[in-house]
Amino acid sequence: MFLRNYWYVAAMPQELENGALLGRWILDEPVLIYRTADGEVTAMRDICPHRSARLSAGERDGDTVRCLYHGLEFGPDGTCLRVPAQDGTPPNGLRVQSYPVAEKWRLIWIWMGAPELADENLIPDFHWNDDPDWFPVGDYMHLDCHYQLLADNLIDLSHEAYVHRGTIGTDAVSETPATARLDGEHVTVERIMPGCPAPPFYRKLKGYDGTIDRMHRIHFDPPATIMIESKSTPTSSAEPDDGLEYRVLCAITPESELSTHFFWAVPRNFNPERQVTEMMYQGSKAVFEEDIDVLNRQQEVLNRVATGSDWQNINSDAGSVYARRVIEKLLTTEAQAE
């Protein structure tokens, strides 16, 4: 089950370049996304109502999408415009369901629930990804696991000491207790690590050769939006330019019960040079690839022996347990409202 009355990231803008018809499964539903000639993004159910062919496998004629099975044509709002060899206006039964979409923070968002509830003011705050004072990198990744496994991973960063030992992890992350707080539907997890060794990636980025004061603050909002604040400075340094600060913006979109779309961005507020941008991109990508390997293997175990109900929680799980409880409660509320 998935929460529907929320904004999910459906695509990155570059995925819609050159007239692309992007087909993507979202919440176990096939969705067609494309950009019209006037620059607007549109989304509709990626199923031709005639014989269930994928419209994304069709072709474009301007803003019209033609199904390549029997040639039916549809406008960007899902209206069937033409049926070959059939005169008159096509019947309403041939109309394709459309979805509210919005382009904000350099991402394409979709609302899969009741259209009348789609308020763009509810789109999560990822403003760092579109702020001239921050320099972002980002990408899309696919995971063969349930979306909540990825959310668990990003909320509890104690795994950094083991999964990311060669990049951003040190023992300070696993050995320093974190505090977790639940405020309504919002979960915050904070870990303060004074006087700890700099991880390898930080030494490479900033040349740190001594200890640093490091902080992680993770924010979770349902259904699966996570923003991580990361700040580090050399211990006892009073120089602002010595600091290393960035955000990790994570938009998690379920594809199915066993697969997930992951849209990430890492904006920083220091050194806009291209070389540093490439280092941030490659370093962030490597970290997430390490996570994905662990999570895909975790899902494989769950698929075969279903041990999730036997999990034993430890202190560092507090934030992810809060987040799962929030989702469970909201799913019950949505089901009761239907």
C-alpha atoms as a PDB file:
ATOM      1  CA  MET A   1       0.000   0.000   0.000  1.00  0.00           C
ATOM      2  CA  PHE A   2       1.124   3.533  -0.763  1.00  0.00           C
ATOM      3  CA  LEU A   3       0.075   6.998   0.357  1.00  0.00           C
ATOM      4  CA  ARG A   4      -1.506   8.734  -2.629  1.00  0.00           C
ATOM      5  CA  ASN A   5      -2.409  12.254  -1.552  1.00  0.00           C
ATOM      6  CA  TYR A   6       1.166  13.510  -1.567  1.00  0.00           C
ATOM      7  CA  TRP A   7       3.622  14.915  -4.082  1.00  0.00           C
ATOM      8  CA  TYR A   8       6.187  12.444  -5.414  1.00  0.00           C
ATOM      9  CA  VAL A   9       9.084  13.177  -7.737  1.00  0.00           C
ATOM     10  CA  ALA A  10       8.319  11.568 -11.099  1.00  0.00           C
ATOM     11  CA  ALA A  11      11.288  12.626 -13.209  1.00  0.00           C
ATOM     12  CA  MET A  12      14.257  14.916 -13.637  1.00  0.00           C
ATOM     13  CA  PRO A  13      13.792  17.668 -16.267  1.00  0.00           C
ATOM     14  CA  GLN A  14      16.575  16.316 -18.469  1.00  0.00           C
ATOM     15  CA  GLU A  15      14.666  13.056 -18.847  1.00  0.00           C
ATOM     16  CA  LEU A  16      12.046  14.963 -20.874  1.00  0.00           C
ATOM     17  CA  GLU A  17      14.425  16.525 -23.364  1.00  0.00           C
ATOM     18  CA  ASN A  18      14.171  16.103 -27.146  1.00  0.00           C
ATOM     19  CA  GLY A  19      10.467  15.311 -27.121  1.00  0.00           C
ATOM     20  CA  ALA A  20      10.858  12.163 -25.018  1.00  0.00           C
ATOM     21  CA  LEU A  21       7.819  10.122 -24.018  1.00  0.00           C
ATOM     22  CA  LEU A  22       8.878   8.905 -20.578  1.00  0.00           C
ATOM     23  CA  GLY A  23       7.100   5.818 -19.302  1.00  0.00           C
ATOM     24  CA  ARG A  24       7.536   5.185 -15.581  1.00  0.00           C
ATOM     25  CA  TRP A  25       5.738   3.011 -13.052  1.00  0.00           C
ATOM     26  CA  ILE A  26       4.763   5.032  -9.962  1.00  0.00           C
ATOM     27  CA  LEU A  27       2.877   3.510  -7.017  1.00  0.00           C
ATOM     28  CA  ASP A  28       2.341   0.398  -9.149  1.00  0.00           C
ATOM     29  CA  GLU A  29       0.683   2.440 -11.906  1.00  0.00           C
ATOM     30  CA  PRO A  30       2.097   3.101 -15.396  1.00  0.00           C
ATOM     31  CA  VAL A  31       2.513   6.836 -16.057  1.00  0.00           C
ATOM     32  CA  LEU A  32       3.409   8.694 -19.266  1.00  0.00           C
ATOM     33  CA  ILE A  33       5.217  11.999 -18.787  1.00  0.00           C
ATOM     34  CA  TYR A  34       6.274  14.467 -21.465  1.00  0.00           C
ATOM     35  CA  ARG A  35       6.837  18.148 -22.091  1.00  0.00           C
ATOM     36  CA  THR A  36       4.549  19.968 -24.528  1.00  0.00           C
ATOM     37  CA  ALA A  37       5.705  22.448 -27.152  1.00  0.00           C
ATOM     38  CA  ASP A  38       4.941  25.385 -24.839  1.00  0.00           C
ATOM     39  CA  GLY A  39       7.192  23.927 -22.122  1.00  0.00           C
ATOM     40  CA  GLU A  40       4.514  22.555 -19.816  1.00  0.00           C
ATOM     41  CA  VAL A  41       4.856  19.071 -18.354  1.00  0.00           C
ATOM     42  CA  THR A  42       1.913  16.704 -18.610  1.00  0.00           C
ATOM     43  CA  ALA A  43       1.281  13.257 -17.136  1.00  0.00           C
ATOM     44  CA  MET A  44      -1.339  10.646 -17.883  1.00  0.00           C
ATOM     45  CA  ARG A  45      -1.958   6.970 -17.354  1.00  0.00           C
ATOM     46  CA  ASP A  46       0.381   5.070 -19.644  1.00  0.00           C
ATOM     47  CA  ILE A  47      -2.290   2.725 -20.971  1.00  0.00           C
ATOM     48  CA  CYS A  48      -4.262   3.051 -24.165  1.00  0.00           C
ATOM     49  CA  PRO A  49      -7.898   2.380 -23.143  1.00  0.00           C
ATOM     50  CA  HIS A  50      -8.519   0.489 -26.381  1.00  0.00           C
ATOM     51  CA  ARG A  51      -6.323  -2.605 -25.787  1.00  0.00           C
ATOM     52  CA  SER A  52      -3.960  -1.631 -22.931  1.00  0.00           C
ATOM     53  CA  ALA A  53      -0.890  -0.867 -25.041  1.00  0.00           C
ATOM     54  CA  ARG A  54       1.737   1.418 -23.485  1.00  0.00           C
ATOM     55  CA  LEU A  55       1.346   4.935 -24.858  1.00  0.00           C
ATOM     56  CA  SER A  56       4.981   5.685 -24.007  1.00  0.00           C
ATOM     57  CA  ALA A  57       5.918   3.176 -26.706  1.00  0.00           C
ATOM     58  CA  GLY A  58       4.049   5.314 -29.242  1.00  0.00           C
ATOM     59  CA  GLU A  59       5.052   8.428 -31.115  1.00  0.00           C
ATOM     60  CA  ARG A  60       4.474  12.159 -30.935  1.00  0.00           C
ATOM     61  CA  ASP A  61       2.882  14.408 -33.514  1.00  0.00           C
ATOM     62  CA  GLY A  62       3.360  17.809 -31.921  1.00  0.00           C
ATOM     63  CA  ASP A  63       1.672  17.529 -28.530  1.00  0.00           C
ATOM     64  CA  THR A  64      -0.453  14.582 -29.667  1.00  0.00           C
ATOM     65  CA  VAL A  65       0.539  11.055 -28.651  1.00  0.00           C
ATOM     66  CA  ARG A  66      -0.253   8.271 -31.102  1.00  0.00           C
ATOM     67  CA  CYS A  67      -0.590   4.709 -29.866  1.00  0.00           C
ATOM     68  CA  LEU A  68       1.472   2.462 -32.089  1.00  0.00           C
ATOM     69  CA  TYR A  69      -0.825  -0.511 -31.692  1.00  0.00           C
ATOM     70  CA  HIS A  70      -3.985   0.739 -33.446  1.00  0.00           C
ATOM     71  CA  GLY A  71      -3.186   4.410 -34.019  1.00  0.00           C
ATOM     72  CA  LEU A  72      -5.523   6.125 -31.548  1.00  0.00           C
ATOM     73  CA  GLU A  73      -4.416   9.695 -30.814  1.00  0.00           C
ATOM     74  CA  PHE A  74      -4.525  11.517 -27.480  1.00  0.00           C
ATOM     75  CA  GLY A  75      -4.023  15.120 -26.411  1.00  0.00           C
ATOM     76  CA  PRO A  76      -1.871  16.179 -23.452  1.00  0.00           C
ATOM     77  CA  ASP A  77      -4.933  16.208 -21.172  1.00  0.00           C
ATOM     78  CA  GLY A  78      -5.731  12.570 -22.007  1.00  0.00           C
ATOM     79  CA  THR A  79      -8.595  13.308 -24.386  1.00  0.00           C
ATOM     80  CA  CYS A  80      -8.858  10.902 -27.311  1.00  0.00           C
ATOM     81  CA  LEU A  81      -8.695  13.092 -30.414  1.00  0.00           C
ATOM     82  CA  ARG A  82      -8.932  10.557 -33.208  1.00  0.00           C
ATOM     83  CA  VAL A  83      -9.705   6.913 -33.919  1.00  0.00           C
ATOM     84  CA  PRO A  84      -8.541   5.721 -37.361  1.00  0.00           C
ATOM     85  CA  ALA A  85     -11.374   4.956 -39.798  1.00  0.00           C
ATOM     86  CA  GLN A  86     -13.970   6.169 -37.281  1.00  0.00           C
ATOM     87  CA  ASP A  87     -15.846   9.418 -37.876  1.00  0.00           C
ATOM     88  CA  GLY A  88     -17.117  11.752 -35.198  1.00  0.00           C
ATOM     89  CA  THR A  89     -15.907  12.601 -31.725  1.00  0.00           C
ATOM     90  CA  PRO A  90     -14.346   9.632 -29.924  1.00  0.00           C
ATOM     91  CA  PRO A  91     -16.410   8.430 -26.942  1.00  0.00           C
ATOM     92  CA  ASN A  92     -15.530   9.562 -23.405  1.00  0.00           C
ATOM     93  CA  GLY A  93     -14.623   5.992 -22.529  1.00  0.00           C
ATOM     94  CA  LEU A  94     -11.463   6.447 -24.581  1.00  0.00           C
ATOM     95  CA  ARG A  95     -10.234   9.281 -22.382  1.00  0.00           C
ATOM     96  CA  VAL A  96      -7.012   8.569 -20.473  1.00  0.00           C
ATOM     97  CA  GLN A  97      -6.714   9.552 -16.814  1.00  0.00           C
ATOM     98  CA  SER A  98      -4.382  12.516 -16.264  1.00  0.00           C
ATOM     99  CA  TYR A  99      -2.459  13.519 -13.135  1.00  0.00           C
ATOM    100  CA  PRO A 100      -1.558  16.910 -11.632  1.00  0.00           C
ATOM    101  CA  VAL A 101       2.120  17.721 -12.152  1.00  0.00           C
ATOM    102  CA  ALA A 102       4.387  20.579 -11.142  1.00  0.00           C
ATOM    103  CA  GLU A 103       7.949  21.582 -11.924  1.00  0.00           C
ATOM    104  CA  LYS A 104       9.708  22.954  -8.867  1.00  0.00           C
ATOM    105  CA  TRP A 105      13.191  22.886  -7.348  1.00  0.00           C
ATOM    106  CA  ARG A 106      14.514  21.517 -10.688  1.00  0.00           C
ATOM    107  CA  LEU A 107      12.401  18.372 -10.341  1.00  0.00           C
ATOM    108  CA  ILE A 108       9.126  17.113 -11.853  1.00  0.00           C
ATOM    109  CA  TRP A 109       6.521  16.316  -9.180  1.00  0.00           C
ATOM    110  CA  ILE A 110       3.337  14.278  -9.584  1.00  0.00           C
ATOM    111  CA  TRP A 111       0.192  13.912  -7.462  1.00  0.00           C
ATOM    112  CA  MET A 112      -1.256  10.407  -7.712  1.00  0.00           C
ATOM    113  CA  GLY A 113      -4.221  10.980  -5.396  1.00  0.00           C
ATOM    114  CA  ALA A 114      -7.416  13.010  -5.566  1.00  0.00           C
ATOM    115  CA  PRO A 115      -6.743  15.833  -8.078  1.00  0.00           C
ATOM    116  CA  GLU A 116      -8.748  18.387  -6.115  1.00  0.00           C
ATOM    117  CA  LEU A 117      -6.324  18.021  -3.192  1.00  0.00           C
ATOM    118  CA  ALA A 118      -3.201  18.741  -5.257  1.00  0.00           C
ATOM    119  CA  ASP A 119      -1.854  21.954  -3.706  1.00  0.00           C
ATOM    120  CA  GLU A 120       1.587  22.979  -4.998  1.00  0.00           C
ATOM    121  CA  ASN A 121       2.270  24.659  -1.665  1.00  0.00           C
ATOM    122  CA  LEU A 122       2.557  21.142  -0.225  1.00  0.00           C
ATOM    123  CA  ILE A 123       5.583  20.295  -2.379  1.00  0.00           C
ATOM    124  CA  PRO A 124       8.525  19.564  -0.032  1.00  0.00           C
ATOM    125  CA  ASP A 125      11.087  22.322   0.407  1.00  0.00           C
ATOM    126  CA  PHE A 126      14.115  21.510  -1.738  1.00  0.00           C
ATOM    127  CA  HIS A 127      14.977  25.149  -2.418  1.00  0.00           C
ATOM    128  CA  TRP A 128      18.735  24.508  -2.009  1.00  0.00           C
ATOM    129  CA  ASN A 129      18.573  22.694  -5.358  1.00  0.00           C
ATOM    130  CA  ASP A 130      17.509  25.909  -7.102  1.00  0.00           C
ATOM    131  CA  ASP A 131      19.351  28.569  -5.115  1.00  0.00           C
ATOM    132  CA  PRO A 132      22.160  30.582  -6.788  1.00  0.00           C
ATOM    133  CA  ASP A 133      24.145  30.543  -3.539  1.00  0.00           C
ATOM    134  CA  TRP A 134      24.248  26.727  -3.525  1.00  0.00           C
ATOM    135  CA  PHE A 135      25.928  24.498  -6.088  1.00  0.00           C
ATOM    136  CA  PRO A 136      24.049  21.225  -6.625  1.00  0.00           C
ATOM    137  CA  VAL A 137      24.802  17.872  -8.138  1.00  0.00           C
ATOM    138  CA  GLY A 138      22.213  15.143  -8.491  1.00  0.00           C
ATOM    139  CA  ASP A 139      20.912  12.126 -10.342  1.00  0.00           C
ATOM    140  CA  TYR A 140      18.330   9.358 -10.560  1.00  0.00           C
ATOM    141  CA  MET A 141      18.863   5.790  -9.371  1.00  0.00           C
ATOM    142  CA  HIS A 142      16.729   2.665  -9.344  1.00  0.00           C
ATOM    143  CA  LEU A 143      16.545   0.160  -6.490  1.00  0.00           C
ATOM    144  CA  ASP A 144      15.171  -3.372  -6.346  1.00  0.00           C
ATOM    145  CA  CYS A 145      13.759  -2.975  -2.856  1.00  0.00           C
ATOM    146  CA  HIS A 146      10.797  -1.576  -0.950  1.00  0.00           C
ATOM    147  CA  TYR A 147      11.003   2.188  -0.596  1.00  0.00           C
ATOM    148  CA  GLN A 148      10.955   2.088   3.208  1.00  0.00           C
ATOM    149  CA  LEU A 149      14.260   0.210   3.277  1.00  0.00           C
ATOM    150  CA  LEU A 150      15.866   3.195   1.574  1.00  0.00           C
ATOM    151  CA  ALA A 151      14.136   5.592   3.973  1.00  0.00           C
ATOM    152  CA  ASP A 152      15.434   3.557   6.945  1.00  0.00           C
ATOM    153  CA  ASN A 153      18.944   3.769   5.505  1.00  0.00           C
ATOM    154  CA  LEU A 154      18.875   7.549   5.104  1.00  0.00           C
ATOM    155  CA  ILE A 155      17.310   8.243   8.489  1.00  0.00           C
ATOM    156  CA  ASP A 156      19.822   6.135  10.430  1.00  0.00           C
ATOM    157  CA  LEU A 157      23.317   7.098   9.278  1.00  0.00           C
ATOM    158  CA  SER A 158      25.139   4.925  11.818  1.00  0.00           C
ATOM    159  CA  HIS A 159      25.835   2.526   8.924  1.00  0.00           C
ATOM    160  CA  GLU A 160      28.288   5.068   7.464  1.00  0.00           C
ATOM    161  CA  ALA A 161      31.075   3.660   9.640  1.00  0.00           C
ATOM    162  CA  TYR A 162      30.796   0.290   7.910  1.00  0.00           C
ATOM    163  CA  VAL A 163      29.152   0.674   4.487  1.00  0.00           C
ATOM    164  CA  HIS A 164      31.000   3.908   3.645  1.00  0.00           C
ATOM    165  CA  ARG A 165      34.289   3.432   5.488  1.00  0.00           C
ATOM    166  CA  GLY A 166      36.299   4.454   2.419  1.00  0.00           C
ATOM    167  CA  THR A 167      34.279   7.614   1.651  1.00  0.00           C
ATOM    168  CA  ILE A 168      32.259   9.443   4.332  1.00  0.00           C
ATOM    169  CA  GLY A 169      32.281   7.018   7.254  1.00  0.00           C
ATOM    170  CA  THR A 170      34.253   6.993  10.512  1.00  0.00           C
ATOM    171  CA  ASP A 171      33.671   5.196  13.791  1.00  0.00           C
ATOM    172  CA  ALA A 172      32.442   8.462  15.289  1.00  0.00           C
ATOM    173  CA  VAL A 173      29.196   8.117  13.331  1.00  0.00           C
ATOM    174  CA  SER A 174      28.384   4.683  14.739  1.00  0.00           C
ATOM    175  CA  GLU A 175      29.742   5.267  18.246  1.00  0.00           C
ATOM    176  CA  THR A 176      28.080   8.661  18.879  1.00  0.00           C
ATOM    177  CA  PRO A 177      24.445   8.332  20.029  1.00  0.00           C
ATOM    178  CA  ALA A 178      21.847  10.220  18.011  1.00  0.00           C
ATOM    179  CA  THR A 179      18.718  11.909  19.316  1.00  0.00           C
ATOM    180  CA  ALA A 180      15.402  11.309  17.532  1.00  0.00           C
ATOM    181  CA  ARG A 181      12.298  13.441  17.842  1.00  0.00           C
ATOM    182  CA  LEU A 182       8.768  13.095  16.450  1.00  0.00           C
ATOM    183  CA  ASP A 183       6.770  16.309  15.948  1.00  0.00           C
ATOM    184  CA  GLY A 184       3.408  15.455  14.413  1.00  0.00           C
ATOM    185  CA  GLU A 185       4.338  13.798  11.111  1.00  0.00           C
ATOM    186  CA  HIS A 186       7.890  15.200  11.047  1.00  0.00           C
ATOM    187  CA  VAL A 187      10.853  13.172  12.288  1.00  0.00           C
ATOM    188  CA  THR A 188      14.216  14.741  13.180  1.00  0.00           C
ATOM    189  CA  VAL A 189      17.385  12.809  13.979  1.00  0.00           C
ATOM    190  CA  GLU A 190      20.522  14.639  15.106  1.00  0.00           C
ATOM    191  CA  ARG A 191      24.043  13.440  15.786  1.00  0.00           C
ATOM    192  CA  ILE A 192      26.779  15.804  17.099  1.00  0.00           C
ATOM    193  CA  MET A 193      30.350  14.495  16.743  1.00  0.00           C
ATOM    194  CA  PRO A 194      32.969  16.876  18.225  1.00  0.00           C
ATOM    195  CA  GLY A 195      36.667  16.247  17.768  1.00  0.00           C
ATOM    196  CA  CYS A 196      36.341  13.286  15.419  1.00  0.00           C
ATOM    197  CA  PRO A 197      38.595  12.151  12.549  1.00  0.00           C
ATOM    198  CA  ALA A 198      37.729  13.508   9.109  1.00  0.00           C
ATOM    199  CA  PRO A 199      36.479  10.809   6.720  1.00  0.00           C
ATOM    200  CA  PRO A 200      38.457  10.154   3.521  1.00  0.00           C
ATOM    201  CA  PHE A 201      36.121  12.123   1.244  1.00  0.00           C
ATOM    202  CA  TYR A 202      36.274  15.206   3.485  1.00  0.00           C
ATOM    203  CA  ARG A 203      40.062  15.071   3.533  1.00  0.00           C
ATOM    204  CA  LYS A 204      40.012  14.984  -0.244  1.00  0.00           C
ATOM    205  CA  LEU A 205      37.541  17.873  -0.556  1.00  0.00           C
ATOM    206  CA  LYS A 206      38.943  20.253   2.072  1.00  0.00           C
ATOM    207  CA  GLY A 207      42.397  18.952   2.915  1.00  0.00           C
ATOM    208  CA  TYR A 208      41.490  18.310   6.564  1.00  0.00           C
ATOM    209  CA  ASP A 209      44.462  16.722   8.329  1.00  0.00           C
ATOM    210  CA  GLY A 210      43.291  16.963  11.954  1.00  0.00           C
ATOM    211  CA  THR A 211      40.090  16.404  13.864  1.00  0.00           C
ATOM    212  CA  ILE A 212      36.789  18.034  12.913  1.00  0.00           C
ATOM    213  CA  ASP A 213      33.536  18.929  14.633  1.00  0.00           C
ATOM    214  CA  ARG A 214      30.832  17.192  12.617  1.00  0.00           C
ATOM    215  CA  MET A 215      27.034  17.332  12.668  1.00  0.00           C
ATOM    216  CA  HIS A 216      24.246  15.400  10.934  1.00  0.00           C
ATOM    217  CA  ARG A 217      20.624  16.536  11.184  1.00  0.00           C
ATOM    218  CA  ILE A 218      18.108  14.411   9.257  1.00  0.00           C
ATOM    219  CA  HIS A 219      14.558  15.537   8.499  1.00  0.00           C
ATOM    220  CA  PHE A 220      11.871  13.082   7.368  1.00  0.00           C
ATOM    221  CA  ASP A 221       8.443  14.010   6.028  1.00  0.00           C
ATOM    222  CA  PRO A 222       5.917  11.524   4.676  1.00  0.00           C
ATOM    223  CA  PRO A 223       5.644   9.686   2.497  1.00  0.00           C
ATOM    224  CA  ALA A 224       9.412   9.530   1.914  1.00  0.00           C
ATOM    225  CA  THR A 225      11.110  12.894   1.612  1.00  0.00           C
ATOM    226  CA  ILE A 226      14.381  13.236   3.501  1.00  0.00           C
ATOM    227  CA  MET A 227      16.661  16.230   3.858  1.00  0.00           C
ATOM    228  CA  ILE A 228      20.038  15.792   5.554  1.00  0.00           C
ATOM    229  CA  GLU A 229      22.000  18.754   6.898  1.00  0.00           C
ATOM    230  CA  SER A 230      25.723  18.032   7.081  1.00  0.00           C
ATOM    231  CA  LYS A 231      28.143  20.520   8.617  1.00  0.00           C
ATOM    232  CA  SER A 232      31.808  20.109   9.520  1.00  0.00           C
ATOM    233  CA  THR A 233      34.603  22.446  10.612  1.00  0.00           C
ATOM    234  CA  PRO A 234      38.160  21.825  11.826  1.00  0.00           C
ATOM    235  CA  THR A 235      38.111  21.547  15.611  1.00  0.00           C
ATOM    236  CA  SER A 236      38.555  24.981  17.254  1.00  0.00           C
ATOM    237  CA  SER A 237      38.646  26.790  13.881  1.00  0.00           C
ATOM    238  CA  ALA A 238      37.050  30.219  13.722  1.00  0.00           C
ATOM    239  CA  GLU A 239      37.468  30.619   9.966  1.00  0.00           C
ATOM    240  CA  PRO A 240      34.131  30.344   8.061  1.00  0.00           C
ATOM    241  CA  ASP A 241      35.944  29.320   4.874  1.00  0.00           C
ATOM    242  CA  ASP A 242      37.281  26.227   6.628  1.00  0.00           C
ATOM    243  CA  GLY A 243      33.787  24.785   6.937  1.00  0.00           C
ATOM    244  CA  LEU A 244      32.218  22.076   4.797  1.00  0.00           C
ATOM    245  CA  GLU A 245      28.449  22.326   4.560  1.00  0.00           C
ATOM    246  CA  TYR A 246      25.997  20.643   2.230  1.00  0.00           C
ATOM    247  CA  ARG A 247      22.491  19.250   2.070  1.00  0.00           C
ATOM    248  CA  VAL A 248      21.439  15.815   0.881  1.00  0.00           C
ATOM    249  CA  LEU A 249      17.985  16.031  -0.719  1.00  0.00           C
ATOM    250  CA  CYS A 250      16.296  12.658  -1.111  1.00  0.00           C
ATOM    251  CA  ALA A 251      13.002  12.128  -2.927  1.00  0.00           C
ATOM    252  CA  ILE A 252      11.955   8.489  -2.707  1.00  0.00           C
ATOM    253  CA  THR A 253       9.169   7.365  -5.047  1.00  0.00           C
ATOM    254  CA  PRO A 254       7.809   3.817  -4.870  1.00  0.00           C
ATOM    255  CA  GLU A 255       7.743   2.059  -8.218  1.00  0.00           C
ATOM    256  CA  SER A 256       6.166  -1.097  -6.823  1.00  0.00           C
ATOM    257  CA  GLU A 257       6.160  -3.040  -3.562  1.00  0.00           C
ATOM    258  CA  LEU A 258       9.613  -4.334  -4.460  1.00  0.00           C
ATOM    259  CA  SER A 259      11.229  -1.496  -6.410  1.00  0.00           C
ATOM    260  CA  THR A 260      11.951   2.190  -5.907  1.00  0.00           C
ATOM    261  CA  HIS A 261      12.853   5.354  -7.790  1.00  0.00           C
ATOM    262  CA  PHE A 262      15.454   7.480  -6.015  1.00  0.00           C
ATOM    263  CA  PHE A 263      16.018  11.125  -6.977  1.00  0.00           C
ATOM    264  CA  TRP A 264      18.858  12.772  -5.091  1.00  0.00           C
ATOM    265  CA  ALA A 265      20.650  16.091  -5.022  1.00  0.00           C
ATOM    266  CA  VAL A 266      23.610  17.309  -2.977  1.00  0.00           C
ATOM    267  CA  PRO A 267      23.855  21.115  -2.993  1.00  0.00           C
ATOM    268  CA  ARG A 268      26.851  22.717  -1.258  1.00  0.00           C
ATOM    269  CA  ASN A 269      27.565  26.310  -0.260  1.00  0.00           C
ATOM    270  CA  PHE A 270      31.326  26.286  -0.827  1.00  0.00           C
ATOM    271  CA  ASN A 271      33.736  26.384  -3.771  1.00  0.00           C
ATOM    272  CA  PRO A 272      31.755  26.476  -7.035  1.00  0.00           C
ATOM    273  CA  GLU A 273      34.685  25.265  -9.136  1.00  0.00           C
ATOM    274  CA  ARG A 274      33.898  22.597 -11.736  1.00  0.00           C
ATOM    275  CA  GLN A 275      36.512  20.244 -10.326  1.00  0.00           C
ATOM    276  CA  VAL A 276      34.846  20.308  -6.905  1.00  0.00           C
ATOM    277  CA  THR A 277      31.430  19.839  -8.504  1.00  0.00           C
ATOM    278  CA  GLU A 278      32.681  16.708 -10.263  1.00  0.00           C
ATOM    279  CA  MET A 279      34.193  15.432  -7.008  1.00  0.00           C
ATOM    280  CA  MET A 280      30.889  15.993  -5.205  1.00  0.00           C
ATOM    281  CA  TYR A 281      28.956  14.187  -7.923  1.00  0.00           C
ATOM    282  CA  GLN A 282      31.262  11.198  -8.164  1.00  0.00           C
ATOM    283  CA  GLY A 283      31.655  10.955  -4.388  1.00  0.00           C
ATOM    284  CA  SER A 284      27.906  11.156  -3.733  1.00  0.00           C
ATOM    285  CA  LYS A 285      27.141   8.662  -6.485  1.00  0.00           C
ATOM    286  CA  ALA A 286      29.677   6.200  -5.061  1.00  0.00           C
ATOM    287  CA  VAL A 287      28.124   6.478  -1.590  1.00  0.00           C
ATOM    288  CA  PHE A 288      24.604   5.840  -2.863  1.00  0.00           C
ATOM    289  CA  GLU A 289      25.781   2.900  -4.982  1.00  0.00           C
ATOM    290  CA  GLU A 290      27.229   1.355  -1.814  1.00  0.00           C
ATOM    291  CA  ASP A 291      23.845   1.805  -0.122  1.00  0.00           C
ATOM    292  CA  ILE A 292      21.943   0.337  -3.063  1.00  0.00           C
ATOM    293  CA  ASP A 293      24.057  -2.807  -3.036  1.00  0.00           C
ATOM    294  CA  VAL A 294      23.244  -3.377   0.643  1.00  0.00           C
ATOM    295  CA  LEU A 295      19.535  -2.605   0.240  1.00  0.00           C
ATOM    296  CA  ASN A 296      19.005  -4.799  -2.811  1.00  0.00           C
ATOM    297  CA  ARG A 297      20.600  -7.706  -0.951  1.00  0.00           C
ATOM    298  CA  GLN A 298      18.478  -6.942   2.097  1.00  0.00           C
ATOM    299  CA  GLN A 299      15.314  -7.120  -0.013  1.00  0.00           C
ATOM    300  CA  GLU A 300      16.443 -10.423  -1.514  1.00  0.00           C
ATOM    301  CA  VAL A 301      16.657 -11.892   2.001  1.00  0.00           C
ATOM    302  CA  LEU A 302      13.231 -10.508   2.901  1.00  0.00           C
ATOM    303  CA  ASN A 303      11.742 -11.945  -0.283  1.00  0.00           C
ATOM    304  CA  ARG A 304      13.062 -15.427   0.455  1.00  0.00           C
ATOM    305  CA  VAL A 305      12.695 -15.809   4.212  1.00  0.00           C
ATOM    306  CA  ALA A 306      10.474 -12.874   5.251  1.00  0.00           C
ATOM    307  CA  THR A 307      12.384 -11.926   8.389  1.00  0.00           C
ATOM    308  CA  GLY A 308      11.108  -8.339   8.620  1.00  0.00           C
ATOM    309  CA  SER A 309       8.579  -9.196  11.319  1.00  0.00           C
ATOM    310  CA  ASP A 310      11.411 -10.618  13.420  1.00  0.00           C
ATOM    311  CA  TRP A 311      13.579  -7.487  13.355  1.00  0.00           C
ATOM    312  CA  GLN A 312      15.009  -6.447  16.717  1.00  0.00           C
ATOM    313  CA  ASN A 313      15.338  -2.690  17.176  1.00  0.00           C
ATOM    314  CA  ILE A 314      18.359  -0.954  18.697  1.00  0.00           C
ATOM    315  CA  ASN A 315      18.722   2.641  19.893  1.00  0.00           C
ATOM    316  CA  SER A 316      19.832   4.025  16.520  1.00  0.00           C
ATOM    317  CA  ASP A 317      16.590   2.775  14.918  1.00  0.00           C
ATOM    318  CA  ALA A 318      14.446   5.324  16.779  1.00  0.00           C
ATOM    319  CA  GLY A 319      14.091   7.748  13.858  1.00  0.00           C
ATOM    320  CA  SER A 320      13.210   5.110  11.286  1.00  0.00           C
ATOM    321  CA  VAL A 321      10.753   3.468  13.693  1.00  0.00           C
ATOM    322  CA  TYR A 322       9.046   6.841  14.157  1.00  0.00           C
ATOM    323  CA  ALA A 323       8.876   7.285  10.382  1.00  0.00           C
ATOM    324  CA  ARG A 324       7.344   3.850   9.843  1.00  0.00           C
ATOM    325  CA  ARG A 325       4.728   4.549  12.522  1.00  0.00           C
ATOM    326  CA  VAL A 326       3.835   7.824  10.804  1.00  0.00           C
ATOM    327  CA  ILE A 327       3.355   6.025   7.470  1.00  0.00           C
ATOM    328  CA  GLU A 328       1.293   3.254   9.048  1.00  0.00           C
ATOM    329  CA  LYS A 329      -1.009   5.778  10.715  1.00  0.00           C
ATOM    330  CA  LEU A 330      -1.442   7.835   7.536  1.00  0.00           C
ATOM    331  CA  LEU A 331      -2.189   4.743   5.448  1.00  0.00           C
ATOM    332  CA  THR A 332      -4.963   3.851   7.893  1.00  0.00           C
ATOM    333  CA  THR A 333      -6.349   7.384   7.715  1.00  0.00           C
ATOM    334  CA  GLU A 334      -6.340   7.433   3.898  1.00  0.00           C
ATOM    335  CA  ALA A 335      -8.012   4.008   3.741  1.00  0.00           C
ATOM    336  CA  GLN A 336     -10.760   5.127   6.106  1.00  0.00           C
ATOM    337  CA  ALA A 337     -11.401   8.250   4.006  1.00  0.00           C
ATOM    338  CA  GLU A 338     -11.986   6.282   0.805  1.00  0.00           C
END
